[in-house]
Protein backbone atom coordinates (compact mmCIF):
# COMPACT_ATOMS: atom_id res chain seq x y z
CA MET A 1 -100.71 -47.78 51.58
CA GLY A 2 -102.56 -44.81 51.08
CA GLU A 3 -100.92 -41.22 50.33
CA ASN A 4 -102.41 -39.94 53.31
CA ALA A 5 -100.99 -42.93 55.51
CA ARG A 6 -97.37 -42.51 54.22
CA LYS A 7 -97.64 -38.87 54.78
CA ASN A 8 -98.65 -39.52 58.48
CA ILE A 9 -95.62 -41.99 58.89
CA ILE A 10 -93.13 -39.45 57.47
CA TYR A 11 -94.57 -36.64 59.89
CA SER A 12 -94.30 -39.05 62.73
CA ILE A 13 -90.89 -39.96 62.05
CA ILE A 14 -89.91 -36.20 61.93
CA LEU A 15 -91.62 -35.57 64.88
CA LEU A 16 -89.74 -38.36 66.76
CA LEU A 17 -86.50 -37.11 65.31
CA ILE A 18 -87.14 -33.51 66.70
CA VAL A 19 -87.84 -34.85 70.20
CA PHE A 20 -84.79 -37.05 70.09
CA ILE A 21 -82.40 -34.20 68.72
CA VAL A 22 -83.95 -31.79 71.87
CA PHE A 23 -83.36 -34.52 74.34
CA LEU A 24 -79.51 -34.85 73.00
CA TYR A 25 -79.41 -31.16 73.23
CA ARG A 26 -80.65 -30.71 76.46
CA GLN A 27 -78.18 -33.79 78.02
CA ASN A 28 -75.33 -32.05 76.21
CA GLN A 29 -76.14 -28.98 78.53
CA GLN A 30 -76.00 -30.44 81.78
CA ASP A 31 -72.89 -30.43 83.60
CA PRO A 32 -71.73 -34.41 83.36
CA ASN A 33 -70.09 -33.80 86.89
CA LEU A 34 -73.56 -33.39 88.50
CA PRO A 35 -75.08 -36.19 90.18
CA ALA A 36 -78.05 -37.21 88.50
CA ASP A 37 -80.77 -36.17 91.00
CA GLU A 38 -79.20 -32.68 91.36
CA VAL A 39 -79.75 -31.63 87.48
CA ALA A 40 -83.19 -31.25 87.68
CA SER A 41 -83.36 -27.86 89.32
CA ASN A 42 -80.72 -24.79 90.44
CA LYS A 43 -79.83 -26.51 93.59
CA ILE A 44 -76.46 -28.26 93.64
CA VAL A 45 -74.99 -30.46 96.56
CA ILE A 46 -71.64 -31.18 96.47
CA THR A 47 -69.61 -33.65 99.04
CA GLY A 48 -66.13 -34.74 99.57
CA GLN A 49 -63.13 -35.20 102.19
CA THR A 50 -60.84 -32.68 103.89
CA MET A 51 -58.93 -32.26 107.00
CA GLY A 52 -59.73 -35.80 108.27
CA THR A 53 -63.35 -34.92 108.18
CA SER A 54 -66.44 -34.45 105.48
CA TYR A 55 -67.70 -31.73 103.72
CA ARG A 56 -71.02 -30.73 102.20
CA VAL A 57 -71.83 -27.64 100.10
CA VAL A 58 -75.33 -26.93 98.80
CA TYR A 59 -75.70 -23.73 96.48
CA LEU A 60 -78.22 -22.25 93.97
CA ASP A 61 -76.98 -21.54 90.62
CA ASP A 62 -79.15 -21.48 87.17
CA GLN A 63 -76.38 -22.58 85.25
CA ARG A 64 -76.31 -25.91 87.20
CA ARG A 65 -72.40 -25.70 87.19
CA ALA A 66 -70.53 -28.06 89.48
CA PHE A 67 -67.49 -26.50 91.50
CA LYS A 68 -66.28 -29.73 93.00
CA GLN A 69 -63.00 -29.71 91.40
CA GLY A 70 -62.47 -26.09 92.25
CA ILE A 71 -63.38 -26.52 95.94
CA ASP A 72 -60.89 -29.63 96.24
CA SER A 73 -58.26 -27.56 94.49
CA VAL A 74 -58.67 -24.62 96.95
CA LEU A 75 -58.90 -26.93 100.16
CA VAL A 76 -55.87 -28.71 98.77
CA ASP A 77 -53.74 -25.44 98.97
CA PHE A 78 -55.54 -24.43 102.20
CA ASN A 79 -54.27 -27.95 103.79
CA GLN A 80 -50.77 -27.60 102.22
CA SER A 81 -50.74 -24.35 104.46
CA LEU A 82 -52.24 -24.87 107.82
CA SER A 83 -52.61 -29.00 108.21
CA THR A 84 -50.16 -30.50 110.63
CA TYR A 85 -50.61 -33.70 109.20
CA VAL A 86 -48.92 -32.42 105.83
CA PRO A 87 -44.92 -32.82 106.57
CA ASP A 88 -44.25 -29.78 104.57
CA SER A 89 -47.11 -27.59 105.29
CA GLU A 90 -46.20 -24.29 106.47
CA ILE A 91 -47.23 -24.95 109.73
CA SER A 92 -45.22 -28.14 110.00
CA ARG A 93 -42.05 -26.13 108.75
CA PHE A 94 -42.79 -23.48 111.60
CA ASN A 95 -43.19 -26.14 114.22
CA SER A 96 -40.00 -28.04 113.02
CA ARG A 97 -37.92 -24.66 113.52
CA ASP A 98 -37.50 -21.35 115.12
CA THR A 99 -38.41 -18.99 112.09
CA LEU A 100 -40.80 -19.23 109.31
CA GLN A 101 -41.09 -16.64 105.98
CA ILE A 102 -44.71 -16.71 105.34
CA GLU A 103 -45.92 -17.63 102.12
CA THR A 104 -49.62 -17.57 101.98
CA ASN A 105 -52.41 -15.55 103.25
CA TYR A 106 -53.96 -18.45 104.75
CA PHE A 107 -51.00 -18.89 107.34
CA ILE A 108 -51.22 -14.71 108.01
CA SER A 109 -54.85 -14.38 108.19
CA VAL A 110 -55.29 -17.30 110.72
CA LEU A 111 -52.46 -16.11 113.01
CA GLN A 112 -53.98 -12.73 112.81
CA GLY A 113 -57.52 -14.10 113.67
CA SER A 114 -56.11 -16.12 116.32
CA LYS A 115 -54.19 -13.33 118.00
CA GLN A 116 -57.56 -11.45 118.16
CA VAL A 117 -59.44 -14.06 119.83
CA PHE A 118 -56.55 -15.02 122.01
CA GLU A 119 -56.58 -11.47 123.34
CA GLU A 120 -60.22 -10.81 123.58
CA THR A 121 -60.70 -14.32 125.55
CA GLY A 122 -57.62 -13.53 127.92
CA GLY A 123 -55.86 -16.57 126.83
CA ALA A 124 -58.69 -19.02 126.79
CA PHE A 125 -58.36 -19.67 122.90
CA ASP A 126 -54.27 -20.80 122.60
CA PRO A 127 -53.24 -22.31 119.68
CA THR A 128 -50.01 -23.19 121.01
CA ILE A 129 -51.84 -25.94 123.11
CA GLY A 130 -51.29 -28.74 120.89
CA PRO A 131 -48.70 -30.44 123.18
CA LEU A 132 -51.02 -30.71 125.99
CA THR A 133 -53.80 -32.31 124.12
CA ASN A 134 -51.79 -34.68 122.81
CA ILE A 135 -50.48 -35.46 126.22
CA TRP A 136 -54.28 -36.00 127.50
CA GLY A 137 -54.82 -38.14 124.63
CA PHE A 138 -56.67 -36.29 122.06
CA GLY A 139 -54.03 -36.12 119.54
CA PRO A 140 -52.81 -38.35 116.87
CA GLU A 141 -50.72 -40.28 119.61
CA GLY A 142 -52.97 -41.54 121.56
CA ALA A 143 -53.82 -41.10 125.31
CA GLN A 144 -50.22 -40.43 127.50
CA LEU A 145 -51.43 -38.86 130.55
CA LYS A 146 -47.96 -37.70 131.70
CA ASP A 147 -47.41 -36.82 135.26
CA SER A 148 -48.15 -33.29 136.56
CA VAL A 149 -44.38 -32.22 136.49
CA GLU A 150 -44.18 -32.84 132.49
CA ILE A 151 -47.43 -30.70 132.46
CA ARG A 152 -45.89 -27.98 134.29
CA GLU A 153 -42.88 -28.13 132.01
CA ILE A 154 -44.98 -27.96 128.88
CA LEU A 155 -46.90 -25.30 129.88
CA ARG A 156 -44.08 -22.99 129.49
CA THR A 157 -44.54 -23.12 125.87
CA VAL A 158 -48.21 -22.93 126.04
CA ASP A 159 -48.81 -19.01 125.51
CA TYR A 160 -49.66 -17.43 122.03
CA ASN A 161 -47.69 -14.48 123.18
CA LEU A 162 -44.59 -16.35 122.46
CA VAL A 163 -45.37 -16.25 118.68
CA SER A 164 -44.34 -13.27 117.01
CA PHE A 165 -45.08 -12.39 113.54
CA ASP A 166 -45.64 -9.75 110.75
CA GLN A 167 -47.08 -9.85 107.36
CA ASP A 168 -43.68 -11.52 106.04
CA ILE A 169 -42.09 -13.65 108.86
CA ALA A 170 -43.18 -15.69 112.00
CA PHE A 171 -40.90 -16.63 114.81
CA LYS A 172 -40.74 -18.30 118.35
CA LEU A 173 -39.60 -16.41 121.41
CA ARG A 174 -39.17 -19.52 123.08
CA PRO A 175 -37.75 -22.81 121.78
CA GLY A 176 -40.15 -25.63 121.68
CA VAL A 177 -43.39 -23.40 120.88
CA GLN A 178 -45.91 -25.61 118.67
CA LEU A 179 -48.77 -24.32 116.59
CA ASP A 180 -51.93 -26.20 116.30
CA PHE A 181 -54.65 -24.56 114.11
CA SER A 182 -57.51 -27.34 114.44
CA ALA A 183 -59.84 -25.38 116.73
CA ILE A 184 -59.95 -22.76 114.08
CA ALA A 185 -58.90 -24.14 110.70
CA LYS A 186 -62.20 -25.81 109.76
CA GLY A 187 -63.91 -22.93 110.28
CA TYR A 188 -61.46 -20.72 108.42
CA GLY A 189 -61.57 -23.53 105.63
CA VAL A 190 -65.23 -22.95 105.47
CA ASP A 191 -65.04 -19.15 104.72
CA VAL A 192 -62.10 -19.99 102.14
CA VAL A 193 -64.74 -22.34 100.37
CA VAL A 194 -67.52 -19.17 100.44
CA ASP A 195 -64.73 -16.86 98.94
CA TYR A 196 -64.43 -19.37 95.89
CA LEU A 197 -68.10 -19.46 95.10
CA GLU A 198 -68.97 -16.00 95.68
CA SER A 199 -66.08 -15.44 93.16
CA GLN A 200 -67.96 -17.76 90.82
CA GLY A 201 -71.10 -15.49 91.10
CA ILE A 202 -72.77 -17.73 93.64
CA LYS A 203 -74.92 -15.79 96.25
CA ASN A 204 -77.06 -18.61 98.14
CA MET A 205 -75.21 -21.15 99.94
CA LEU A 206 -74.66 -23.41 102.64
CA VAL A 207 -70.94 -24.65 103.17
CA GLU A 208 -70.28 -27.16 105.82
CA ILE A 209 -66.86 -28.61 107.26
CA GLY A 210 -67.03 -31.12 109.81
CA GLY A 211 -70.04 -29.37 111.72
CA GLU A 212 -68.85 -25.63 111.05
CA LEU A 213 -71.11 -23.77 108.64
CA VAL A 214 -71.66 -20.45 106.65
CA GLY A 215 -75.11 -19.61 105.32
CA ARG A 216 -75.63 -17.24 102.73
CA GLY A 217 -78.79 -15.89 100.90
CA VAL A 218 -81.47 -18.36 101.11
CA ASN A 219 -82.38 -21.99 100.34
CA GLU A 220 -84.26 -23.24 97.34
CA HIS A 221 -87.28 -22.50 98.96
CA GLY A 222 -86.56 -18.85 99.42
CA GLU A 223 -86.10 -19.37 103.41
CA LEU A 224 -83.00 -18.88 105.57
CA TRP A 225 -80.68 -21.98 105.93
CA LYS A 226 -81.96 -23.91 108.72
CA ILE A 227 -79.07 -25.80 111.00
CA GLY A 228 -79.83 -28.51 113.64
CA ILE A 229 -77.89 -28.49 116.82
CA ASN A 230 -77.30 -31.67 118.12
CA ARG A 231 -78.92 -32.47 122.04
CA PRO A 232 -75.56 -32.73 124.18
CA ASP A 233 -76.21 -36.22 125.63
CA GLU A 234 -72.92 -38.69 125.68
CA GLU A 235 -75.48 -41.62 125.63
CA GLY A 236 -78.02 -40.15 122.78
CA ALA A 237 -78.20 -40.56 119.22
CA ALA A 238 -75.52 -38.55 117.40
CA ASP A 239 -78.26 -36.80 115.18
CA GLU A 240 -80.93 -36.16 117.65
CA ILE A 241 -81.70 -32.50 117.45
CA PHE A 242 -82.38 -30.10 120.44
CA SER A 243 -82.68 -26.88 118.44
CA ILE A 244 -82.72 -25.30 114.90
CA ILE A 245 -80.93 -22.04 114.15
CA ALA A 246 -81.85 -19.87 110.89
CA LEU A 247 -78.64 -18.67 109.61
CA GLN A 248 -78.97 -14.96 108.10
CA ASP A 249 -75.28 -14.43 106.35
CA GLN A 250 -73.29 -15.54 109.39
CA GLY A 251 -70.98 -18.24 110.39
CA LEU A 252 -71.77 -21.01 112.64
CA ALA A 253 -69.84 -23.38 114.70
CA THR A 254 -70.41 -25.41 117.73
CA SER A 255 -68.00 -26.91 120.38
CA GLY A 256 -68.79 -29.40 123.19
CA ASN A 257 -67.53 -32.09 125.77
CA TYR A 258 -70.56 -34.42 125.60
CA ARG A 259 -69.32 -36.93 123.27
CA ASN A 260 -65.41 -36.45 122.77
CA PHE A 261 -64.20 -37.91 126.02
CA TYR A 262 -62.64 -40.85 127.58
CA VAL A 263 -62.89 -42.77 131.19
CA ARG A 264 -59.90 -44.09 132.78
CA ASP A 265 -59.73 -45.52 136.45
CA GLY A 266 -63.11 -44.22 136.66
CA VAL A 267 -62.18 -40.31 135.82
CA LYS A 268 -63.82 -38.87 132.92
CA TYR A 269 -61.75 -36.71 130.81
CA SER A 270 -62.86 -34.07 128.41
CA HIS A 271 -61.08 -33.25 124.96
CA THR A 272 -61.13 -29.31 126.21
CA ILE A 273 -57.59 -28.84 128.00
CA SER A 274 -57.13 -25.44 130.08
CA PRO A 275 -54.31 -23.34 128.66
CA PHE A 276 -54.02 -21.92 132.12
CA THR A 277 -53.89 -25.45 134.41
CA GLY A 278 -52.72 -27.69 131.32
CA TYR A 279 -55.73 -29.98 132.89
CA PRO A 280 -59.07 -30.65 131.38
CA VAL A 281 -61.63 -28.57 132.09
CA ARG A 282 -64.51 -29.34 134.53
CA HIS A 283 -67.58 -27.01 134.68
CA GLY A 284 -71.15 -27.34 133.38
CA LEU A 285 -70.97 -25.85 129.89
CA LEU A 286 -71.81 -28.97 127.67
CA SER A 287 -72.31 -26.98 124.32
CA ALA A 288 -71.21 -23.75 123.04
CA THR A 289 -72.67 -22.42 119.75
CA VAL A 290 -71.44 -19.16 118.38
CA LEU A 291 -72.70 -17.20 115.27
CA ALA A 292 -70.35 -14.55 113.77
CA LYS A 293 -69.51 -12.60 110.94
CA ASN A 294 -67.50 -15.61 109.67
CA CYS A 295 -66.87 -19.10 110.51
CA MET A 296 -63.49 -18.83 111.52
CA MET A 297 -64.10 -16.42 114.51
CA ALA A 298 -67.32 -18.29 115.50
CA ASP A 299 -65.21 -21.41 115.37
CA ALA A 300 -62.47 -19.93 117.64
CA TYR A 301 -64.90 -18.67 120.15
CA ALA A 302 -66.76 -21.89 120.58
CA THR A 303 -63.50 -23.40 121.67
CA ALA A 304 -62.77 -20.78 123.97
CA PHE A 305 -65.94 -20.40 125.53
CA MET A 306 -65.58 -24.39 126.19
CA VAL A 307 -62.81 -23.18 128.27
CA MET A 308 -64.11 -20.72 130.08
CA GLY A 309 -67.70 -21.97 131.18
CA THR A 310 -70.99 -20.66 130.83
CA GLU A 311 -71.18 -17.42 133.19
CA ALA A 312 -67.66 -16.21 131.62
CA SER A 313 -68.96 -16.90 128.23
CA ILE A 314 -72.22 -14.87 128.65
CA ALA A 315 -70.49 -11.88 130.11
CA LEU A 316 -67.87 -12.04 126.87
CA GLN A 317 -70.52 -12.20 124.66
CA GLN A 318 -72.39 -9.25 126.01
CA GLU A 319 -69.11 -7.52 126.16
CA LEU A 320 -68.27 -7.93 122.55
CA GLY A 321 -71.72 -7.58 121.18
CA ASN A 322 -70.82 -8.77 117.76
CA ILE A 323 -71.30 -12.44 118.19
CA GLU A 324 -74.41 -14.38 119.23
CA ILE A 325 -74.39 -17.65 121.18
CA PHE A 326 -76.45 -20.25 122.49
CA LEU A 327 -75.34 -22.18 125.60
CA ILE A 328 -76.33 -25.66 126.87
CA PHE A 329 -75.48 -26.39 130.23
CA ASN A 330 -76.05 -28.37 133.68
CA ASP A 331 -77.41 -26.17 136.36
CA GLU A 332 -76.53 -26.70 140.23
CA GLU A 333 -78.92 -29.74 140.23
CA GLY A 334 -77.41 -31.20 137.30
CA ASN A 335 -80.49 -30.04 135.06
CA ILE A 336 -80.01 -29.07 131.37
CA ASN A 337 -80.55 -25.35 130.85
CA THR A 338 -80.03 -23.07 127.96
CA TYR A 339 -78.98 -19.84 127.37
CA ILE A 340 -79.93 -17.59 124.08
CA SER A 341 -78.38 -14.32 123.63
CA GLU A 342 -80.86 -11.50 122.59
CA GLY A 343 -79.86 -11.10 118.93
CA LEU A 344 -80.29 -14.82 118.39
CA LYS A 345 -83.54 -15.28 119.68
CA PRO A 346 -85.41 -14.41 116.89
CA PHE A 347 -83.78 -16.89 114.78
CA ILE A 348 -83.70 -20.13 116.99
CA SER A 349 -86.26 -22.49 118.18
CA THR A 350 -85.89 -24.97 120.82
CA LEU A 351 -87.22 -28.62 120.49
CA ASN A 352 -88.85 -30.47 123.41
């Protein structure tokens, strides 16, 4: 073998070694917690389970950091405060006694947020409605359908004014009052995850828990995050899209009666229970989507609007002026119709 041939072989081996070393270096720079299909760009996707549902977090990070462990840790602490399924959570301890020494910012924040929406909706949003929800079969105990006498008795403890609190303590003004933040907690949980990611320097993100969302900044294409709203059809596909909304640094929540219901003895019972009558609501509003400065408030207003109905919801949105709404409802002839508030119109497209 000639001298030149030996040199070419040596150069080839050195070149291969250099390529291999660079490859190993790049592999070591990648976060091992990231899925293989997410390390090629600055778009990170993290999924998991919380609050009896799933979450999905998408964000842009040039450092390709994976925050799943931090997100899960934050949500565990959150549930330890606000989940009625955790026996020793703050809310569970409040429900089992008359007075609670408040320990976390989670609890006081959701008490205050609930109070605001309760007052602005004239009581349509009421976190003390849990016992009525259980009676009608939409709680953990399943359908019970008790008689009207018992409903009237339970209504005596359904009134958020019966819960008094300050920064340090919460107590009941009537024995038997129970709190259930399921109509606001998922939205608030989204806000908590957003706060955590922002503390890590993340500016562009889409956070979703059980269908409640917050969009911040832009997606990987430099566009606003776009969200699909399902068609309100109890017999249609669960993923059939009715409209698309672009989120501009807002929280979004949707509530509806068209899927969560049951029929017994020929009567259809929706999961939205009126805190005024104690019975499931019966009106033409099928779906209420609310956009607000944060997801906690959007979640609570969406629930309240499903109690209030179409006309009262429109009137309140116009009075408040700090939220946007997209309502899908049946008109007097039974046809599906929509209402889009003025501020939302530039950000929504409705599909045929």
